[in-house]
C-alpha atoms as a PDB file:
ATOM      1  CA  MET A   1      44.925  20.816 -67.706  1.00  0.00           C
ATOM      2  CA  SER A   2      44.399  18.354 -65.017  1.00  0.00           C
ATOM      3  CA  GLN A   3      42.760  19.238 -61.757  1.00  0.00           C
ATOM      4  CA  VAL A   4      45.020  19.372 -58.832  1.00  0.00           C
ATOM      5  CA  PRO A   5      43.503  17.711 -55.719  1.00  0.00           C
ATOM      6  CA  ARG A   6      43.150  19.931 -52.696  1.00  0.00           C
ATOM      7  CA  PRO A   7      45.399  19.213 -49.790  1.00  0.00           C
ATOM      8  CA  GLY A   8      43.911  16.596 -47.453  1.00  0.00           C
ATOM      9  CA  ARG A   9      41.481  15.296 -50.093  1.00  0.00           C
ATOM     10  CA  ARG A  10      42.081  12.617 -52.618  1.00  0.00           C
ATOM     11  CA  ALA A  11      40.746  12.956 -56.113  1.00  0.00           C
ATOM     12  CA  ASP A  12      39.654   9.332 -56.500  1.00  0.00           C
ATOM     13  CA  VAL A  13      37.503   9.177 -53.309  1.00  0.00           C
ATOM     14  CA  PRO A  14      33.825  10.055 -53.855  1.00  0.00           C
ATOM     15  CA  ARG A  15      32.191  12.614 -51.646  1.00  0.00           C
ATOM     16  CA  ARG A  16      30.327  11.182 -48.622  1.00  0.00           C
ATOM     17  CA  VAL A  17      26.547  11.427 -48.534  1.00  0.00           C
ATOM     18  CA  THR A  18      24.449  10.949 -45.389  1.00  0.00           C
ATOM     19  CA  VAL A  19      21.519   8.601 -45.868  1.00  0.00           C
ATOM     20  CA  THR A  20      18.618   8.840 -43.447  1.00  0.00           C
ATOM     21  CA  SER A  21      15.503   6.823 -43.033  1.00  0.00           C
ATOM     22  CA  PRO A  22      12.063   8.365 -42.565  1.00  0.00           C
ATOM     23  CA  ARG A  23      11.687   6.120 -39.500  1.00  0.00           C
ATOM     24  CA  THR A  24      14.065   7.690 -37.045  1.00  0.00           C
ATOM     25  CA  ALA A  25      12.813   5.941 -33.916  1.00  0.00           C
ATOM     26  CA  ALA A  26      12.699   2.277 -33.079  1.00  0.00           C
ATOM     27  CA  ALA A  27       9.481   0.413 -33.645  1.00  0.00           C
ATOM     28  CA  ARG A  28       7.068   1.390 -30.906  1.00  0.00           C
ATOM     29  CA  ARG A  29       4.589  -0.778 -29.169  1.00  0.00           C
ATOM     30  CA  PRO A  30       1.054   0.348 -29.924  1.00  0.00           C
ATOM     31  CA  ARG A  31      -0.140   2.755 -27.257  1.00  0.00           C
ATOM     32  CA  TYR A  32      -2.707   1.200 -24.949  1.00  0.00           C
ATOM     33  CA  PRO A  33      -4.206   3.996 -22.848  1.00  0.00           C
ATOM     34  CA  ALA A  34      -4.742   3.486 -19.142  1.00  0.00           C
ATOM     35  CA  LEU A  35      -8.380   4.508 -19.517  1.00  0.00           C
ATOM     36  CA  ARG A  36      -8.877   1.536 -21.808  1.00  0.00           C
ATOM     37  CA  GLU A  37      -7.176  -0.680 -19.221  1.00  0.00           C
ATOM     38  CA  ILE A  38      -9.702   0.506 -16.639  1.00  0.00           C
ATOM     39  CA  ASP A  39     -12.689   0.128 -18.995  1.00  0.00           C
ATOM     40  CA  GLU A  40     -11.705  -3.401 -19.992  1.00  0.00           C
ATOM     41  CA  GLN A  41     -11.016  -4.301 -16.359  1.00  0.00           C
ATOM     42  CA  THR A  42      -7.555  -5.685 -17.026  1.00  0.00           C
ATOM     43  CA  ARG A  43      -5.123  -6.408 -14.214  1.00  0.00           C
ATOM     44  CA  LEU A  44      -3.439  -3.019 -14.653  1.00  0.00           C
ATOM     45  CA  GLY A  45      -6.836  -1.316 -14.679  1.00  0.00           C
ATOM     46  CA  GLU A  46      -7.648  -3.044 -11.397  1.00  0.00           C
ATOM     47  CA  VAL A  47      -4.407  -1.732  -9.910  1.00  0.00           C
ATOM     48  CA  TYR A  48      -5.314   1.819 -10.957  1.00  0.00           C
ATOM     49  CA  MET A  49      -8.819   1.561  -9.510  1.00  0.00           C
ATOM     50  CA  HIS A  50      -7.611  -0.025  -6.268  1.00  0.00           C
ATOM     51  CA  SER A  51      -5.144   2.831  -5.816  1.00  0.00           C
ATOM     52  CA  LEU A  52      -7.942   5.395  -6.225  1.00  0.00           C
ATOM     53  CA  LEU A  53     -10.273   3.497  -3.890  1.00  0.00           C
ATOM     54  CA  ARG A  54      -7.511   3.079  -1.302  1.00  0.00           C
ATOM     55  CA  THR A  55      -6.774   6.819  -1.391  1.00  0.00           C
ATOM     56  CA  GLN A  56     -10.445   7.733  -1.036  1.00  0.00           C
ATOM     57  CA  PHE A  57     -10.918   5.186   1.768  1.00  0.00           C
ATOM     58  CA  ARG A  58      -7.924   6.583   3.661  1.00  0.00           C
ATOM     59  CA  LEU A  59      -9.373  10.078   3.338  1.00  0.00           C
ATOM     60  CA  ALA A  60     -12.791   8.922   4.591  1.00  0.00           C
ATOM     61  CA  LEU A  61     -11.195   7.169   7.576  1.00  0.00           C
ATOM     62  CA  PHE A  62      -9.218  10.294   8.420  1.00  0.00           C
ATOM     63  CA  VAL A  63     -12.256  12.593   8.309  1.00  0.00           C
ATOM     64  CA  CYS A  64     -14.403  10.142  10.316  1.00  0.00           C
ATOM     65  CA  THR A  65     -11.637   9.699  12.888  1.00  0.00           C
ATOM     66  CA  VAL A  66     -11.237  13.448  13.355  1.00  0.00           C
ATOM     67  CA  LEU A  67     -14.992  13.964  13.741  1.00  0.00           C
ATOM     68  CA  ALA A  68     -15.275  10.987  16.119  1.00  0.00           C
ATOM     69  CA  CYS A  69     -12.442  12.363  18.246  1.00  0.00           C
ATOM     70  CA  VAL A  70     -14.069  15.785  18.387  1.00  0.00           C
ATOM     71  CA  ILE A  71     -17.512  14.393  19.252  1.00  0.00           C
ATOM     72  CA  GLY A  72     -16.141  11.715  21.569  1.00  0.00           C
ATOM     73  CA  GLY A  73     -13.828  14.228  23.202  1.00  0.00           C
ATOM     74  CA  LEU A  74     -16.602  16.613  24.168  1.00  0.00           C
ATOM     75  CA  PRO A  75     -18.028  14.426  26.967  1.00  0.00           C
ATOM     76  CA  LEU A  76     -14.492  13.802  28.158  1.00  0.00           C
ATOM     77  CA  LEU A  77     -13.823  17.542  28.127  1.00  0.00           C
ATOM     78  CA  PHE A  78     -16.955  18.246  30.169  1.00  0.00           C
ATOM     79  CA  LEU A  79     -16.031  15.423  32.553  1.00  0.00           C
ATOM     80  CA  LEU A  80     -12.488  16.684  33.117  1.00  0.00           C
ATOM     81  CA  LEU A  81     -13.501  20.341  33.397  1.00  0.00           C
ATOM     82  CA  PRO A  82     -16.675  20.341  35.515  1.00  0.00           C
ATOM     83  CA  ASP A  83     -16.732  24.159  35.592  1.00  0.00           C
ATOM     84  CA  LEU A  84     -17.696  24.120  31.895  1.00  0.00           C
ATOM     85  CA  ARG A  85     -20.904  22.305  32.786  1.00  0.00           C
ATOM     86  CA  GLU A  86     -21.987  25.314  34.803  1.00  0.00           C
ATOM     87  CA  VAL A  87     -21.499  27.814  31.958  1.00  0.00           C
ATOM     88  CA  HIS A  88     -24.697  28.921  30.251  1.00  0.00           C
ATOM     89  CA  LEU A  89     -24.939  30.163  26.674  1.00  0.00           C
ATOM     90  CA  LEU A  90     -28.112  32.193  26.072  1.00  0.00           C
ATOM     91  CA  GLY A  91     -29.734  30.477  29.020  1.00  0.00           C
ATOM     92  CA  VAL A  92     -28.812  26.974  27.841  1.00  0.00           C
ATOM     93  CA  PRO A  93     -26.088  24.916  29.580  1.00  0.00           C
ATOM     94  CA  LEU A  94     -22.927  24.840  27.447  1.00  0.00           C
ATOM     95  CA  PRO A  95     -22.852  21.032  26.980  1.00  0.00           C
ATOM     96  CA  TRP A  96     -26.399  21.088  25.595  1.00  0.00           C
ATOM     97  CA  ALA A  97     -25.660  24.072  23.368  1.00  0.00           C
ATOM     98  CA  VAL A  98     -22.540  22.435  21.947  1.00  0.00           C
ATOM     99  CA  LEU A  99     -24.113  19.014  21.405  1.00  0.00           C
ATOM    100  CA  GLY A 100     -27.471  20.364  20.280  1.00  0.00           C
ATOM    101  CA  GLY A 101     -26.395  23.001  17.808  1.00  0.00           C
ATOM    102  CA  LEU A 102     -22.763  23.946  17.624  1.00  0.00           C
ATOM    103  CA  ILE A 103     -21.598  20.477  16.588  1.00  0.00           C
ATOM    104  CA  TYR A 104     -23.372  20.672  13.219  1.00  0.00           C
ATOM    105  CA  PRO A 105     -21.069  23.329  11.779  1.00  0.00           C
ATOM    106  CA  ALA A 106     -18.203  20.919  12.520  1.00  0.00           C
ATOM    107  CA  PHE A 107     -20.014  18.268  10.458  1.00  0.00           C
ATOM    108  CA  VAL A 108     -20.555  20.708   7.598  1.00  0.00           C
ATOM    109  CA  ILE A 109     -16.926  21.849   7.607  1.00  0.00           C
ATOM    110  CA  GLY A 110     -15.723  18.241   7.773  1.00  0.00           C
ATOM    111  CA  ALA A 111     -17.969  17.270   4.857  1.00  0.00           C
ATOM    112  CA  TRP A 112     -16.845  20.278   2.820  1.00  0.00           C
ATOM    113  CA  LEU A 113     -13.165  19.459   3.420  1.00  0.00           C
ATOM    114  CA  TYR A 114     -13.795  15.814   2.559  1.00  0.00           C
ATOM    115  CA  VAL A 115     -15.482  16.642  -0.758  1.00  0.00           C
ATOM    116  CA  ARG A 116     -12.769  19.130  -1.645  1.00  0.00           C
ATOM    117  CA  GLN A 117      -9.977  16.627  -0.962  1.00  0.00           C
ATOM    118  CA  ALA A 118     -11.847  13.769  -2.685  1.00  0.00           C
ATOM    119  CA  GLU A 119     -12.224  15.881  -5.825  1.00  0.00           C
ATOM    120  CA  ARG A 120      -8.521  16.729  -5.662  1.00  0.00           C
ATOM    121  CA  ASN A 121      -7.710  13.008  -5.431  1.00  0.00           C
ATOM    122  CA  GLU A 122      -9.910  12.310  -8.443  1.00  0.00           C
ATOM    123  CA  ARG A 123      -8.270  15.110 -10.469  1.00  0.00           C
ATOM    124  CA  HIS A 124      -4.849  13.715  -9.606  1.00  0.00           C
ATOM    125  CA  PHE A 125      -5.991  10.233 -10.651  1.00  0.00           C
ATOM    126  CA  ALA A 126      -7.396  11.572 -13.957  1.00  0.00           C
ATOM    127  CA  GLU A 127      -4.095  13.348 -14.696  1.00  0.00           C
ATOM    128  CA  LEU A 128      -2.205  10.151 -13.925  1.00  0.00           C
ATOM    129  CA  VAL A 129      -4.395   8.141 -16.288  1.00  0.00           C
ATOM    130  CA  GLU A 130      -4.156  10.737 -19.069  1.00  0.00           C
ATOM    131  CA  ARG A 131      -0.351  10.939 -18.783  1.00  0.00           C
ATOM    132  CA  ARG A 132       0.077   7.231 -19.341  1.00  0.00           C
END
């Protein structure tokens, strides 16, 4: 007896086989980590470092500007509101109390905020370098 071909399939056509290669992706360029770029001081490494330095410099300028405005604004405040000069805090005139003691907590808070933000910038930079 001869085999009868199924409908839609010819008897003389071989069955199709899918051939795959173990290399499924195109040839990749060797990975050159950004940390290595920075260590070897290549042009790209310089760009990364300049971006970090620029960010940190901008932060430092911002914090210094805010503190300078607060400190520089105090004499202006006492000049524009002369009644404040007459106020005494624990027997000490208010301008002397503010400039002699109450200004230092502003420095400490400004420094704390600066360090916190600088560390955040550095973490962001490290994540950026590790992602690449």
